[in-house]
N, C-alpha and C. Protein backbone atom coordinates (compact mmCIF):
# COMPACT_ATOMS: atom_id res chain seq x y z
N MET A 1 93.57 128.11 181.86
CA MET A 1 92.60 128.32 180.87
C MET A 1 91.80 129.49 181.19
N THR A 2 91.56 130.36 180.24
CA THR A 2 90.72 131.62 180.62
C THR A 2 89.27 131.28 180.64
N LYS A 3 88.50 131.87 181.34
CA LYS A 3 87.14 131.69 181.56
C LYS A 3 86.38 132.93 181.08
N THR A 4 85.08 132.79 180.65
CA THR A 4 84.29 133.92 180.25
C THR A 4 83.14 134.03 181.24
N ARG A 5 82.88 135.18 181.76
CA ARG A 5 81.83 135.42 182.68
C ARG A 5 80.50 135.49 181.88
N VAL A 6 79.42 134.79 182.51
CA VAL A 6 78.15 134.74 181.93
C VAL A 6 77.15 135.13 183.10
N THR A 7 76.39 136.05 182.91
CA THR A 7 75.46 136.49 183.92
C THR A 7 74.03 136.15 183.66
N PHE A 8 73.23 135.70 184.59
CA PHE A 8 71.91 135.35 184.32
C PHE A 8 71.16 135.70 185.63
N THR A 9 69.83 135.85 185.57
CA THR A 9 69.00 136.30 186.62
C THR A 9 68.00 135.17 186.97
N ILE A 10 67.84 134.93 188.24
CA ILE A 10 66.83 133.92 188.71
C ILE A 10 66.15 134.49 189.94
N ASP A 11 65.08 133.88 190.29
CA ASP A 11 64.28 134.20 191.39
C ASP A 11 65.11 133.91 192.73
N PRO A 12 64.96 134.67 193.75
CA PRO A 12 65.69 134.38 194.94
C PRO A 12 65.46 132.93 195.52
N GLU A 13 64.20 132.49 195.40
CA GLU A 13 64.03 131.10 195.91
C GLU A 13 64.78 130.07 195.10
N ASP A 14 64.85 130.30 193.74
CA ASP A 14 65.63 129.34 192.94
C ASP A 14 67.16 129.54 193.14
N ALA A 15 67.52 130.67 193.47
CA ALA A 15 68.96 130.90 193.76
C ALA A 15 69.39 130.08 195.02
N GLU A 16 68.53 130.07 196.00
CA GLU A 16 68.67 129.25 197.27
C GLU A 16 68.74 127.84 196.91
N ARG A 17 67.84 127.27 196.15
CA ARG A 17 67.80 125.97 195.70
C ARG A 17 69.01 125.67 195.02
N LEU A 18 69.52 126.51 194.14
CA LEU A 18 70.78 126.24 193.37
C LEU A 18 71.95 126.27 194.39
N ARG A 19 72.02 127.13 195.28
CA ARG A 19 73.19 127.10 196.31
C ARG A 19 73.17 125.71 197.06
N GLN A 20 71.94 125.22 197.43
CA GLN A 20 71.78 124.00 198.12
C GLN A 20 72.24 122.83 197.22
N ALA A 21 71.87 122.77 195.90
CA ALA A 21 72.19 121.74 195.06
C ALA A 21 73.79 121.67 194.88
N ALA A 22 74.30 122.83 194.77
CA ALA A 22 75.82 122.93 194.55
C ALA A 22 76.44 122.38 195.85
N LYS A 23 75.90 122.76 197.02
CA LYS A 23 76.59 122.36 198.27
C LYS A 23 76.54 120.84 198.46
N GLN A 24 75.32 120.32 198.06
CA GLN A 24 75.13 118.85 198.20
C GLN A 24 76.11 118.04 197.23
N ALA A 25 76.38 118.72 196.00
CA ALA A 25 77.27 118.12 195.05
C ALA A 25 78.79 118.31 195.50
N GLY A 26 78.99 119.12 196.57
CA GLY A 26 80.33 119.42 196.76
C GLY A 26 81.11 120.42 195.85
N MET A 27 80.29 121.26 195.22
CA MET A 27 80.82 122.17 194.28
C MET A 27 80.44 123.58 194.59
N THR A 28 81.22 124.49 193.89
CA THR A 28 80.92 125.96 194.01
C THR A 28 79.61 126.05 193.11
N VAL A 29 78.90 127.13 193.42
CA VAL A 29 77.67 127.35 192.47
C VAL A 29 78.13 127.49 191.06
N SER A 30 79.25 128.17 190.75
CA SER A 30 79.72 128.33 189.41
C SER A 30 80.01 127.01 188.79
N ALA A 31 80.86 126.32 189.47
CA ALA A 31 81.10 124.88 188.93
C ALA A 31 79.97 124.08 188.67
N TYR A 32 78.99 124.17 189.64
CA TYR A 32 77.71 123.31 189.54
C TYR A 32 77.02 123.75 188.26
N ILE A 33 76.83 125.10 188.11
CA ILE A 33 76.04 125.56 186.89
C ILE A 33 76.66 125.22 185.68
N GLU A 34 78.11 125.26 185.66
CA GLU A 34 78.75 124.98 184.35
C GLU A 34 78.63 123.50 184.11
N SER A 35 78.78 122.64 185.10
CA SER A 35 78.71 121.22 184.75
C SER A 35 77.22 120.76 184.28
N ARG A 36 76.21 121.34 184.84
CA ARG A 36 74.97 121.08 184.49
C ARG A 36 74.57 121.61 183.22
N VAL A 37 74.91 122.82 182.90
CA VAL A 37 74.56 123.49 181.72
C VAL A 37 75.42 122.73 180.52
N LEU A 38 76.67 122.59 180.75
CA LEU A 38 77.34 121.81 179.59
C LEU A 38 76.83 120.38 179.41
N ALA A 39 76.46 119.74 180.38
CA ALA A 39 75.86 118.34 180.17
C ALA A 39 74.65 118.52 179.43
N SER A 40 73.78 119.45 179.72
CA SER A 40 72.51 119.61 178.88
C SER A 40 72.90 120.05 177.40
N VAL A 41 73.84 120.87 177.18
CA VAL A 41 74.30 121.23 175.88
C VAL A 41 74.79 120.02 175.11
N GLU A 42 75.61 119.23 175.70
CA GLU A 42 75.99 117.98 175.15
C GLU A 42 74.89 117.02 174.73
N GLN A 43 73.96 116.95 175.67
CA GLN A 43 72.86 116.09 175.35
C GLN A 43 72.03 116.60 174.16
N ASP A 44 71.84 118.06 174.06
CA ASP A 44 71.12 118.62 172.96
C ASP A 44 71.86 118.40 171.68
N GLU A 45 73.25 118.50 171.67
CA GLU A 45 74.04 118.39 170.56
C GLU A 45 74.01 116.81 170.08
N ALA A 46 73.90 115.96 171.01
CA ALA A 46 73.89 114.46 170.61
C ALA A 46 72.52 114.19 170.06
N ILE A 47 71.42 114.79 170.60
CA ILE A 47 70.15 114.43 170.00
C ILE A 47 70.03 115.12 168.56
N ALA A 48 70.59 116.32 168.41
CA ALA A 48 70.45 117.08 167.15
C ALA A 48 71.35 116.13 166.04
N SER A 49 72.39 115.65 166.61
CA SER A 49 73.30 114.79 165.69
C SER A 49 72.50 113.52 165.11
N VAL A 50 71.83 112.92 166.07
CA VAL A 50 71.15 111.68 165.73
C VAL A 50 70.02 111.98 164.80
N PHE A 51 69.29 113.18 165.01
CA PHE A 51 68.23 113.40 164.23
C PHE A 51 68.39 114.27 163.03
N ARG A 52 69.62 114.72 162.74
CA ARG A 52 69.95 115.75 161.68
C ARG A 52 69.42 115.23 160.37
N ASP A 53 69.70 114.04 160.04
CA ASP A 53 69.28 113.50 158.63
C ASP A 53 67.84 113.36 158.64
N ALA A 54 67.11 112.92 159.67
CA ALA A 54 65.70 112.82 159.69
C ALA A 54 65.03 114.13 159.68
N ASP A 55 65.52 115.17 160.33
CA ASP A 55 65.06 116.49 160.30
C ASP A 55 65.22 117.12 158.88
N ALA A 56 66.39 116.98 158.33
CA ALA A 56 66.51 117.47 156.92
C ALA A 56 65.47 116.74 155.89
N ALA A 57 65.32 115.50 156.08
CA ALA A 57 64.36 114.80 155.20
C ALA A 57 63.01 115.32 155.41
N THR A 58 62.62 115.55 156.71
CA THR A 58 61.21 116.06 157.09
C THR A 58 61.13 117.36 156.40
N ASN A 59 62.04 118.27 156.69
CA ASN A 59 62.00 119.73 156.04
C ASN A 59 61.88 119.67 154.50
N ALA A 60 62.65 118.68 153.96
CA ALA A 60 62.57 118.73 152.38
C ALA A 60 61.25 118.17 152.03
N ALA A 61 60.65 117.34 152.76
CA ALA A 61 59.26 116.67 152.47
C ALA A 61 58.25 117.74 152.58
N TYR A 62 58.37 118.51 153.70
CA TYR A 62 57.32 119.74 153.84
C TYR A 62 57.49 120.70 152.73
N ALA A 63 58.81 121.09 152.33
CA ALA A 63 58.93 121.99 151.22
C ALA A 63 58.44 121.59 150.03
N ALA A 64 58.66 120.24 149.72
CA ALA A 64 58.05 119.60 148.50
C ALA A 64 56.49 119.62 148.49
N ALA A 65 55.92 119.25 149.65
CA ALA A 65 54.49 119.32 149.83
C ALA A 65 54.01 120.74 149.67
N ASP A 66 54.59 121.69 150.18
CA ASP A 66 54.15 123.05 150.04
C ASP A 66 54.23 123.56 148.66
N ALA A 67 55.31 123.11 147.90
CA ALA A 67 55.40 123.59 146.38
C ALA A 67 54.37 122.81 145.55
N ALA A 68 54.01 121.61 146.02
CA ALA A 68 52.95 120.90 145.21
C ALA A 68 51.59 121.48 145.46
N ILE A 69 51.29 121.87 146.74
CA ILE A 69 50.06 122.36 147.10
C ILE A 69 49.93 123.81 146.74
N TRP A 70 50.98 124.52 146.93
CA TRP A 70 50.94 126.05 146.63
C TRP A 70 52.00 126.44 145.68
N PRO A 71 51.77 126.02 144.36
CA PRO A 71 52.73 126.43 143.35
C PRO A 71 52.96 127.88 143.21
N GLU A 72 54.03 128.23 142.71
CA GLU A 72 54.31 129.70 142.44
C GLU A 72 53.32 130.21 141.42
N PRO A 73 52.55 131.36 141.68
CA PRO A 73 51.58 131.81 140.68
C PRO A 73 52.29 132.25 139.39
N GLU A 74 51.57 132.19 138.35
CA GLU A 74 52.06 132.73 137.15
C GLU A 74 51.94 134.19 137.17
N PRO A 75 52.91 134.90 136.58
CA PRO A 75 52.75 136.42 136.59
C PRO A 75 51.38 136.85 135.86
N LEU A 76 50.82 137.90 136.27
CA LEU A 76 49.64 138.50 135.72
C LEU A 76 49.94 139.13 134.38
N THR A 77 49.12 138.94 133.42
CA THR A 77 49.26 139.66 132.16
C THR A 77 48.68 141.15 132.53
N SER A 78 49.07 141.94 131.65
CA SER A 78 48.60 143.38 131.82
C SER A 78 47.08 143.54 131.74
N GLU A 79 46.54 142.67 130.90
CA GLU A 79 45.07 142.69 130.73
C GLU A 79 44.39 142.14 132.00
N ARG A 80 44.90 141.00 132.60
CA ARG A 80 44.33 140.50 133.75
C ARG A 80 44.51 141.40 134.96
N LYS A 81 45.58 142.04 135.04
CA LYS A 81 45.85 143.12 136.09
C LYS A 81 44.92 144.23 135.90
N ALA A 82 44.59 144.63 134.73
CA ALA A 82 43.55 145.79 134.54
C ALA A 82 42.16 145.23 135.06
N GLU A 83 41.86 144.07 134.60
CA GLU A 83 40.53 143.51 135.13
C GLU A 83 40.52 143.51 136.64
N LEU A 84 41.53 143.08 137.25
CA LEU A 84 41.53 142.92 138.72
C LEU A 84 41.49 144.24 139.35
N ASP A 85 42.17 145.28 138.72
CA ASP A 85 42.19 146.61 139.30
C ASP A 85 40.71 147.22 139.30
N VAL A 86 39.97 146.91 138.24
CA VAL A 86 38.58 147.35 138.15
C VAL A 86 37.76 146.75 139.16
N VAL A 87 37.90 145.41 139.36
CA VAL A 87 37.19 144.79 140.51
C VAL A 87 37.46 145.34 141.83
N LEU A 88 38.77 145.55 142.05
CA LEU A 88 39.33 146.08 143.41
C LEU A 88 38.68 147.48 143.55
N GLU A 89 38.81 148.28 142.54
CA GLU A 89 38.28 149.70 142.64
C GLU A 89 36.76 149.69 143.01
N ARG A 90 35.99 148.80 142.34
CA ARG A 90 34.61 148.72 142.62
C ARG A 90 34.38 148.25 144.09
N PHE A 91 35.18 147.32 144.50
CA PHE A 91 35.05 146.82 145.91
C PHE A 91 35.40 147.82 146.97
N LEU A 92 36.54 148.52 146.71
CA LEU A 92 37.07 149.51 147.71
C LEU A 92 36.19 150.74 147.58
N GLY A 93 35.58 151.04 146.50
CA GLY A 93 34.72 152.20 146.47
C GLY A 93 33.46 151.92 147.33
N LYS A 94 32.94 150.65 147.27
CA LYS A 94 31.90 150.24 148.15
C LYS A 94 32.15 150.34 149.58
N VAL A 95 33.41 149.88 149.94
CA VAL A 95 33.81 149.93 151.26
C VAL A 95 33.88 151.35 151.77
N ARG A 96 34.50 152.24 151.00
CA ARG A 96 34.69 153.69 151.32
C ARG A 96 33.34 154.30 151.59
N ARG A 97 32.37 154.02 150.73
CA ARG A 97 31.08 154.66 150.86
C ARG A 97 30.28 154.14 152.08
N SER A 98 30.48 152.90 152.44
CA SER A 98 29.73 152.35 153.61
C SER A 98 30.41 152.70 154.93
N ALA A 99 31.56 153.14 154.92
CA ALA A 99 32.27 153.45 156.19
C ALA A 99 31.85 154.78 156.75
């Protein structure tokens, strides 16, 4: 089976701890890292699988709540836009003068 090389960087003190842990496990550093990382990945996948439906339901509930609290605004009429443009121009004019 072909393997893929993965490179990562750690502090020298941690590298020594890693070497010692691999030695105590009777494994090469590479085999030790591979086993520990894959065990962690499998755990993460199992957790994600268990909570997938709950996470989807939670996300849907948040989306529904957001839609209820923050509905899409109705488009501005040209008259309302003109009114707001006047207000903004008055405000920005005051800001520019005071700066």
